[in-house]
Amino acid sequence: MSASQIGPKAHSEQQAMNQAVREQESRLNGWILAGGGLLALLGAIVTVSIVRRSHGLVR
C-alpha cells in the first residue's frame, strides 16, 4: 500500500463526511426556521388574545 493509493480514498471519504455534515446542518437550519416561525405565530396569537381580553374588560 503506497501513500498515493491511500490519499485519494481518504480524501473522497472526507468529502463524503463534509457533504453529510452540510446536509444535516441545512436540515437543522430548516427545523430552526420552522420552529422560529411557529413560535412567532404562537406569540402573535397569544398577544392578540390577551389584547382582545384586556379590551373586553375595559368596555
N, C-alpha and C. Protein backbone atom coordinates (compact mmCIF):
# COMPACT_ATOMS: atom_id res chain seq x y z
N MET A 1 0.86 -1.20 0.00
CA MET A 1 0.00 0.00 0.00
C MET A 1 0.89 1.24 0.00
N SER A 2 0.82 2.02 -1.04
CA SER A 2 1.65 3.23 -1.09
C SER A 2 0.81 4.44 -0.69
N ALA A 3 1.48 5.53 -0.39
CA ALA A 3 0.80 6.75 0.05
C ALA A 3 -0.15 7.27 -1.03
N SER A 4 0.24 7.10 -2.29
CA SER A 4 -0.59 7.61 -3.40
C SER A 4 -1.91 6.83 -3.50
N GLN A 5 -1.91 5.58 -3.03
CA GLN A 5 -3.14 4.78 -3.05
C GLN A 5 -4.06 5.17 -1.90
N ILE A 6 -3.49 5.51 -0.76
CA ILE A 6 -4.27 5.86 0.43
C ILE A 6 -4.90 7.25 0.27
N GLY A 7 -4.12 8.19 -0.23
CA GLY A 7 -4.54 9.59 -0.35
C GLY A 7 -5.92 9.83 -0.93
N PRO A 8 -6.14 9.46 -2.19
CA PRO A 8 -7.44 9.75 -2.83
C PRO A 8 -8.63 9.16 -2.09
N LYS A 9 -8.47 7.93 -1.55
CA LYS A 9 -9.58 7.28 -0.84
C LYS A 9 -9.96 8.08 0.41
N ALA A 10 -8.95 8.46 1.18
CA ALA A 10 -9.19 9.24 2.39
C ALA A 10 -9.84 10.58 2.04
N HIS A 11 -9.39 11.16 0.93
CA HIS A 11 -9.92 12.46 0.52
C HIS A 11 -11.39 12.35 0.14
N SER A 12 -11.75 11.32 -0.61
CA SER A 12 -13.15 11.16 -1.02
C SER A 12 -14.04 10.85 0.19
N GLU A 13 -13.49 10.11 1.16
CA GLU A 13 -14.25 9.84 2.38
C GLU A 13 -14.48 11.13 3.16
N GLN A 14 -13.44 11.97 3.19
CA GLN A 14 -13.55 13.26 3.88
C GLN A 14 -14.62 14.11 3.21
N GLN A 15 -14.64 14.10 1.87
CA GLN A 15 -15.65 14.87 1.13
C GLN A 15 -17.05 14.35 1.42
N ALA A 16 -17.19 13.04 1.49
CA ALA A 16 -18.49 12.43 1.78
C ALA A 16 -18.96 12.84 3.17
N MET A 17 -18.03 12.85 4.13
CA MET A 17 -18.36 13.27 5.50
C MET A 17 -18.81 14.73 5.51
N ASN A 18 -18.03 15.58 4.82
CA ASN A 18 -18.37 17.01 4.76
C ASN A 18 -19.76 17.20 4.16
N GLN A 19 -20.06 16.44 3.11
CA GLN A 19 -21.36 16.53 2.44
C GLN A 19 -22.47 16.15 3.42
N ALA A 20 -22.26 15.06 4.15
CA ALA A 20 -23.26 14.59 5.11
C ALA A 20 -23.49 15.63 6.21
N VAL A 21 -22.40 16.21 6.70
CA VAL A 21 -22.50 17.23 7.75
C VAL A 21 -23.26 18.43 7.23
N ARG A 22 -22.95 18.83 5.99
CA ARG A 22 -23.61 20.00 5.39
C ARG A 22 -25.10 19.74 5.24
N GLU A 23 -25.47 18.53 4.82
CA GLU A 23 -26.89 18.18 4.66
C GLU A 23 -27.60 18.21 6.01
N GLN A 24 -26.94 17.69 7.05
CA GLN A 24 -27.53 17.71 8.39
C GLN A 24 -27.72 19.14 8.87
N GLU A 25 -26.72 20.00 8.61
CA GLU A 25 -26.80 21.39 9.05
C GLU A 25 -27.95 22.11 8.36
N SER A 26 -28.11 21.89 7.04
CA SER A 26 -29.19 22.57 6.32
C SER A 26 -30.55 22.07 6.81
N ARG A 27 -30.62 20.78 7.13
CA ARG A 27 -31.87 20.23 7.66
C ARG A 27 -32.16 20.85 9.02
N LEU A 28 -31.11 20.98 9.83
CA LEU A 28 -31.26 21.57 11.17
C LEU A 28 -31.71 23.02 11.05
N ASN A 29 -31.10 23.76 10.12
CA ASN A 29 -31.48 25.16 9.90
C ASN A 29 -32.94 25.26 9.48
N GLY A 30 -33.38 24.32 8.66
CA GLY A 30 -34.78 24.29 8.23
C GLY A 30 -35.70 24.11 9.42
N TRP A 31 -35.34 23.19 10.32
CA TRP A 31 -36.14 22.95 11.52
C TRP A 31 -36.16 24.17 12.42
N ILE A 32 -34.98 24.83 12.54
CA ILE A 32 -34.88 26.02 13.39
C ILE A 32 -35.79 27.12 12.83
N LEU A 33 -35.75 27.30 11.50
CA LEU A 33 -36.59 28.32 10.87
C LEU A 33 -38.06 28.00 11.07
N ALA A 34 -38.42 26.74 10.87
CA ALA A 34 -39.82 26.32 11.04
C ALA A 34 -40.25 26.53 12.49
N GLY A 35 -39.39 26.14 13.43
CA GLY A 35 -39.69 26.31 14.84
C GLY A 35 -39.83 27.78 15.21
N GLY A 36 -38.94 28.61 14.67
CA GLY A 36 -39.00 30.05 14.93
C GLY A 36 -40.28 30.65 14.38
N GLY A 37 -40.67 30.21 13.19
CA GLY A 37 -41.90 30.70 12.58
C GLY A 37 -43.12 30.31 13.41
N LEU A 38 -43.12 29.07 13.88
CA LEU A 38 -44.23 28.60 14.72
C LEU A 38 -44.30 29.39 16.03
N LEU A 39 -43.12 29.63 16.63
CA LEU A 39 -43.10 30.40 17.88
C LEU A 39 -43.60 31.82 17.66
N ALA A 40 -43.20 32.43 16.55
CA ALA A 40 -43.64 33.79 16.24
C ALA A 40 -45.15 33.83 16.06
N LEU A 41 -45.67 32.82 15.34
CA LEU A 41 -47.11 32.73 15.10
C LEU A 41 -47.86 32.55 16.42
N LEU A 42 -47.34 31.65 17.25
CA LEU A 42 -47.94 31.40 18.56
C LEU A 42 -47.93 32.66 19.41
N GLY A 43 -46.80 33.37 19.40
CA GLY A 43 -46.67 34.61 20.16
C GLY A 43 -47.68 35.65 19.70
N ALA A 44 -47.86 35.75 18.37
CA ALA A 44 -48.81 36.71 17.82
C ALA A 44 -50.24 36.36 18.25
N ILE A 45 -50.58 35.09 18.19
CA ILE A 45 -51.93 34.64 18.58
C ILE A 45 -52.18 34.94 20.05
N VAL A 46 -51.19 34.62 20.90
CA VAL A 46 -51.33 34.87 22.35
C VAL A 46 -51.48 36.36 22.61
N THR A 47 -50.65 37.16 21.94
CA THR A 47 -50.70 38.62 22.11
C THR A 47 -52.07 39.16 21.73
N VAL A 48 -52.57 38.74 20.59
CA VAL A 48 -53.88 39.20 20.11
C VAL A 48 -54.98 38.80 21.09
N SER A 49 -54.93 37.56 21.58
CA SER A 49 -55.96 37.10 22.52
C SER A 49 -55.90 37.88 23.83
N ILE A 50 -54.69 38.20 24.30
CA ILE A 50 -54.54 38.98 25.53
C ILE A 50 -55.07 40.39 25.32
N VAL A 51 -54.71 41.00 24.19
CA VAL A 51 -55.16 42.37 23.89
C VAL A 51 -56.68 42.41 23.80
N ARG A 52 -57.26 41.42 23.12
CA ARG A 52 -58.73 41.37 23.00
C ARG A 52 -59.38 41.23 24.36
N ARG A 53 -58.79 40.37 25.21
CA ARG A 53 -59.35 40.12 26.54
C ARG A 53 -59.28 41.40 27.38
N SER A 54 -58.15 42.09 27.34
CA SER A 54 -57.99 43.31 28.13
C SER A 54 -58.93 44.41 27.61
N HIS A 55 -59.14 44.46 26.30
CA HIS A 55 -60.08 45.43 25.73
C HIS A 55 -61.51 45.10 26.16
N GLY A 56 -61.79 43.81 26.24
CA GLY A 56 -63.11 43.38 26.67
C GLY A 56 -63.38 43.78 28.11
N LEU A 57 -62.35 43.76 28.95
CA LEU A 57 -62.50 44.15 30.36
C LEU A 57 -62.70 45.65 30.49
N VAL A 58 -62.05 46.41 29.60
CA VAL A 58 -62.13 47.88 29.68
C VAL A 58 -63.55 48.34 29.39
N ARG A 59 -64.19 47.72 28.38
CA ARG A 59 -65.53 48.14 28.00
C ARG A 59 -66.55 47.89 29.09
